[in-house]
C-alpha cells in the first residue's frame, strides 16, 4: 500500500475510466484511460449477493448492463454474465462488470492509481467497506489508492478500519448541506479532501478549505474543457 504522504494526485482523474470512450466502470474503459496517459482513474464499487466487490455506479443494474434490479439479488457468477457494453455500443459485446480484484491487477500492471468511490448503500455501509478492504489487504497493491464518498458513514468506516488510507468527502450541493457542518465533519474524522461539484465551487469555499489545509477536488456530470 502507498502511504498517504507520498500520494501524488494528478490534475485530471479518469471518471469511471474513460466513460465517454468506452462503457463506464469496465476494464475497457480503464484501458482507454491508461492509453490516454491518465495516471489515475475513479471507479464505483458495489458488492454482489455473495460479497464480491465489482464495478457499478447505479443502485441497480439496469442502465449500464443487461441485468435488472439490485446487484444484491445476484451472485457475482451471474453478474459476470451480463453485458456491460450493450447500452453503450447498441449491440451485443463480451464486456462484463469486472471485479475490484481484476481492476487492481490491471491498474497495478500499468502503474495507474485508483480513486474508489464508495456508493451510498443504506444499511450495508459496513458490509461494503469490509468487503473492499478485504480485497485490498489480500492484494498488496503497489499503486496509490484513495477513497471518496458522498456518504459520511462510509468515510468514517474507512478511517476507523484502515486509517492509513486517504478518504475524501464529496459534496453535490449546499441546499441540504451547511458548509460549516461539512468542514467540521472533514476535520473531525480526519478526511483529507473535499470533493465539490463544479456547479457550487466559488472562491469563498476554496479559500476556506485552503485555510484549513483541506485538499480540494472537483467533479462535473458534464464534459468540461481543460486548459
Protein backbone atom coordinates (compact mmCIF):
# COMPACT_ATOMS: atom_id res chain seq x y z
CA UNK A 1 0.00 0.00 0.00
CA UNK A 2 1.21 3.51 -0.83
CA UNK A 3 1.30 5.65 2.29
CA UNK A 4 -0.71 8.87 2.47
CA UNK A 5 2.20 11.26 2.44
CA UNK A 6 3.52 10.15 -0.94
CA UNK A 7 0.30 10.00 -2.94
CA UNK A 8 0.58 12.42 -5.85
CA UNK A 9 -2.92 13.17 -7.08
CA UNK A 10 -2.93 14.49 -10.67
CA UNK A 11 -4.98 17.38 -12.04
CA UNK A 12 -7.16 15.02 -14.08
CA UNK A 13 -8.62 11.67 -12.99
CA UNK A 14 -10.44 9.44 -15.47
CA UNK A 15 -14.12 9.35 -14.47
CA UNK A 16 -15.31 5.72 -14.33
CA UNK A 17 -12.29 5.04 -16.51
CA UNK A 18 -12.86 6.96 -19.74
CA UNK A 19 -16.63 6.70 -19.74
CA UNK A 20 -17.28 8.72 -22.90
CA UNK A 21 -14.97 6.50 -24.95
CA UNK A 22 -15.92 3.06 -23.60
CA UNK A 23 -18.57 1.57 -21.30
CA UNK A 24 -18.15 3.08 -17.84
CA UNK A 25 -16.65 1.09 -14.98
CA UNK A 26 -15.30 -1.67 -17.22
CA UNK A 27 -11.79 -2.91 -17.94
CA UNK A 28 -12.18 -1.48 -21.46
CA UNK A 29 -12.89 1.98 -20.06
CA UNK A 30 -9.94 1.84 -17.69
CA UNK A 31 -7.65 0.65 -20.50
CA UNK A 32 -8.81 3.64 -22.59
CA UNK A 33 -7.89 5.98 -19.75
CA UNK A 34 -4.47 4.34 -19.40
CA UNK A 35 -3.91 4.65 -23.16
CA UNK A 36 -4.66 8.37 -22.83
CA UNK A 37 -1.77 8.54 -20.33
CA UNK A 38 -4.01 9.23 -17.37
CA UNK A 39 -2.23 8.23 -14.18
CA UNK A 40 -5.40 7.89 -12.06
CA UNK A 41 -8.92 6.56 -12.58
CA UNK A 42 -12.06 6.86 -10.48
CA UNK A 43 -14.27 3.79 -10.09
CA UNK A 44 -17.52 2.97 -8.29
CA UNK A 45 -17.74 -0.25 -6.30
CA UNK A 46 -20.77 -2.26 -5.16
CA UNK A 47 -20.98 -5.82 -3.81
CA UNK A 48 -22.85 -8.85 -5.06
CA UNK A 49 -25.05 -11.18 -3.01
CA UNK A 50 -22.01 -13.38 -2.33
CA UNK A 51 -19.97 -10.38 -1.14
CA UNK A 52 -17.77 -9.89 -4.22
CA UNK A 53 -16.82 -6.23 -4.85
CA UNK A 54 -17.35 -5.30 -8.50
CA UNK A 55 -17.72 -2.11 -10.52
CA UNK A 56 -21.13 -0.43 -10.76
CA UNK A 57 -22.26 3.17 -10.38
CA UNK A 58 -26.04 2.99 -10.03
CA UNK A 59 -28.22 1.45 -7.35
CA UNK A 60 -29.41 -1.10 -9.90
CA UNK A 61 -28.01 -2.94 -12.92
CA UNK A 62 -30.50 -1.59 -15.47
CA UNK A 63 -28.77 1.43 -17.06
CA UNK A 64 -25.30 0.02 -17.68
CA UNK A 65 -25.86 -3.72 -18.09
CA UNK A 66 -28.39 -6.17 -19.50
CA UNK A 67 -29.35 -7.09 -15.93
CA UNK A 68 -32.33 -5.88 -13.94
CA UNK A 69 -32.71 -4.91 -10.30
CA UNK A 70 -30.36 -4.61 -7.37
CA UNK A 71 -26.90 -6.23 -7.51
CA UNK A 72 -27.52 -7.68 -4.06
CA UNK A 73 -30.06 -10.05 -5.66
CA UNK A 74 -27.33 -11.79 -7.68
CA UNK A 75 -24.18 -13.78 -7.03
CA UNK A 76 -21.18 -12.47 -8.95
CA UNK A 77 -21.17 -15.55 -11.21
CA UNK A 78 -24.50 -14.23 -12.55
CA UNK A 79 -23.36 -10.60 -12.78
CA UNK A 80 -20.26 -11.71 -14.69
CA UNK A 81 -22.53 -12.99 -17.48
CA UNK A 82 -24.23 -9.63 -18.01
CA UNK A 83 -23.34 -7.45 -21.00
CA UNK A 84 -21.90 -4.16 -19.76
CA UNK A 85 -21.27 -2.87 -23.28
CA UNK A 86 -24.69 -3.38 -24.88
CA UNK A 87 -26.19 0.01 -23.97
CA UNK A 88 -23.01 1.86 -24.99
CA UNK A 89 -22.45 0.18 -28.35
CA UNK A 90 -26.11 -0.72 -29.07
CA UNK A 91 -25.11 -4.29 -29.81
CA UNK A 92 -24.00 -7.43 -28.02
CA UNK A 93 -20.47 -7.42 -26.61
CA UNK A 94 -18.32 -9.62 -24.40
CA UNK A 95 -17.78 -6.75 -21.94
CA UNK A 96 -18.84 -7.51 -18.38
CA UNK A 97 -18.83 -5.75 -14.97
CA UNK A 98 -15.34 -6.55 -13.61
CA UNK A 99 -14.42 -7.37 -10.04
CA UNK A 100 -12.37 -4.95 -7.97
CA UNK A 101 -9.63 -7.57 -7.93
CA UNK A 102 -9.41 -7.55 -11.75
CA UNK A 103 -9.19 -3.77 -11.77
CA UNK A 104 -6.40 -3.84 -9.18
CA UNK A 105 -4.41 -6.23 -11.38
CA UNK A 106 -4.91 -4.05 -14.47
CA UNK A 107 -4.02 -0.80 -12.73
CA UNK A 108 -1.10 -2.32 -10.82
CA UNK A 109 0.38 -3.63 -14.07
CA UNK A 110 0.06 -0.17 -15.65
CA UNK A 111 1.05 1.98 -12.66
CA UNK A 112 -2.34 3.66 -12.60
CA UNK A 113 -3.69 4.95 -9.28
CA UNK A 114 -7.30 4.42 -8.22
CA UNK A 115 -9.90 6.59 -6.55
CA UNK A 116 -12.52 4.19 -5.16
CA UNK A 117 -15.85 5.93 -4.69
CA UNK A 118 -17.97 4.25 -2.04
CA UNK A 119 -21.57 4.49 -3.19
CA UNK A 120 -24.31 5.18 -0.63
CA UNK A 121 -25.93 1.86 0.28
CA UNK A 122 -28.09 2.45 3.33
CA UNK A 123 -27.87 -0.32 5.90
CA UNK A 124 -25.00 -2.07 4.09
CA UNK A 125 -22.22 0.50 4.52
CA UNK A 126 -20.08 -1.65 6.80
CA UNK A 127 -20.55 -4.79 4.70
CA UNK A 128 -19.49 -2.90 1.56
CA UNK A 129 -16.45 -1.29 3.13
CA UNK A 130 -15.27 -4.50 4.78
CA UNK A 131 -15.57 -6.46 1.51
CA UNK A 132 -13.50 -3.85 -0.32
CA UNK A 133 -10.86 -3.65 2.41
CA UNK A 134 -10.58 -7.44 2.49
CA UNK A 135 -9.65 -7.45 -1.21
CA UNK A 136 -7.15 -4.60 -0.79
CA UNK A 137 -5.42 -6.31 2.13
CA UNK A 138 -5.03 -9.54 0.17
CA UNK A 139 -3.80 -7.82 -2.96
CA UNK A 140 -0.89 -5.79 -1.51
CA UNK A 141 -1.15 -3.18 -4.23
CA UNK A 142 1.85 -1.01 -5.10
CA UNK A 143 -0.25 1.74 -6.67
CA UNK A 144 -1.70 4.79 -4.89
CA UNK A 145 -5.32 4.32 -3.82
CA UNK A 146 -7.68 6.69 -2.06
CA UNK A 147 -11.37 6.61 -1.21
CA UNK A 148 -14.17 9.13 -1.56
CA UNK A 149 -17.88 9.15 -0.81
CA UNK A 150 -20.98 11.30 -0.52
CA UNK A 151 -21.87 9.07 2.42
CA UNK A 152 -20.20 10.27 5.62
CA UNK A 153 -20.77 6.91 7.34
CA UNK A 154 -18.68 5.16 4.68
CA UNK A 155 -15.93 7.76 5.12
CA UNK A 156 -15.96 7.23 8.88
CA UNK A 157 -15.75 3.45 8.44
CA UNK A 158 -12.70 3.75 6.19
CA UNK A 159 -10.86 5.90 8.73
CA UNK A 160 -11.81 3.53 11.56
CA UNK A 161 -10.89 0.30 9.77
CA UNK A 162 -7.91 1.39 7.63
CA UNK A 163 -6.72 4.77 8.94
CA UNK A 164 -3.65 4.76 6.68
CA UNK A 165 -5.86 5.20 3.62
CA UNK A 166 -6.88 8.66 2.50
CA UNK A 167 -10.60 9.36 2.23
CA UNK A 168 -12.38 12.43 0.89
CA UNK A 169 -15.91 13.71 1.42
CA UNK A 170 -17.93 14.54 -1.70
CA UNK A 171 -20.46 17.39 -1.76
CA UNK A 172 -23.04 17.74 -4.53
CA UNK A 173 -24.98 20.78 -3.32
CA UNK A 174 -25.23 23.18 -0.43
CA UNK A 175 -29.03 23.29 -0.30
CA UNK A 176 -29.16 20.37 2.12
CA UNK A 177 -25.58 20.71 3.42
CA UNK A 178 -24.39 23.51 5.69
CA UNK A 179 -20.77 24.21 4.74
CA UNK A 180 -19.67 24.77 8.33
CA UNK A 181 -21.05 21.35 9.22
CA UNK A 182 -19.24 19.82 6.24
CA UNK A 183 -15.97 21.43 7.31
CA UNK A 184 -16.43 20.17 10.87
CA UNK A 185 -17.08 16.61 9.66
CA UNK A 186 -13.98 16.64 7.46
CA UNK A 187 -11.80 17.82 10.33
CA UNK A 188 -13.40 15.63 13.00
CA UNK A 189 -12.90 12.40 11.05
CA UNK A 190 -9.51 13.29 9.56
CA UNK A 191 -10.69 13.29 5.94
CA UNK A 192 -8.06 14.62 3.58
CA UNK A 193 -10.19 16.29 0.93
CA UNK A 194 -13.47 17.89 -0.03
CA UNK A 195 -14.76 17.00 -3.49
CA UNK A 196 -17.03 19.72 -4.85
CA UNK A 197 -19.41 19.68 -7.79
CA UNK A 198 -18.20 22.34 -10.23
CA UNK A 199 -21.65 23.98 -10.12
CA UNK A 200 -21.12 25.02 -6.46
CA UNK A 201 -17.41 25.90 -6.46
CA UNK A 202 -16.61 29.52 -5.65
CA UNK A 203 -13.64 31.49 -4.33
CA UNK A 204 -15.06 31.69 -0.82
CA UNK A 205 -15.36 27.91 -0.44
CA UNK A 206 -11.94 27.31 -1.96
CA UNK A 207 -10.31 29.86 0.36
CA UNK A 208 -11.96 28.35 3.44
CA UNK A 209 -10.77 24.86 2.50
CA UNK A 210 -7.25 26.05 1.70
CA UNK A 211 -7.00 27.93 5.00
CA UNK A 212 -7.87 24.70 6.79
CA UNK A 213 -5.32 22.68 4.76
CA UNK A 214 -8.02 20.55 3.13
CA UNK A 215 -7.22 19.24 -0.34
CA UNK A 216 -9.80 20.26 -2.96
CA UNK A 217 -11.07 18.06 -5.76
CA UNK A 218 -13.74 18.93 -8.31
CA UNK A 219 -16.06 16.89 -10.46
CA UNK A 220 -18.72 17.51 -13.08
CA UNK A 221 -21.55 15.49 -14.62
CA UNK A 222 -20.89 17.37 -17.87
CA UNK A 223 -17.85 17.35 -20.13
CA UNK A 224 -15.60 20.32 -19.46
CA UNK A 225 -12.58 21.67 -21.32
CA UNK A 226 -9.25 21.58 -19.52
CA UNK A 227 -6.75 24.36 -20.24
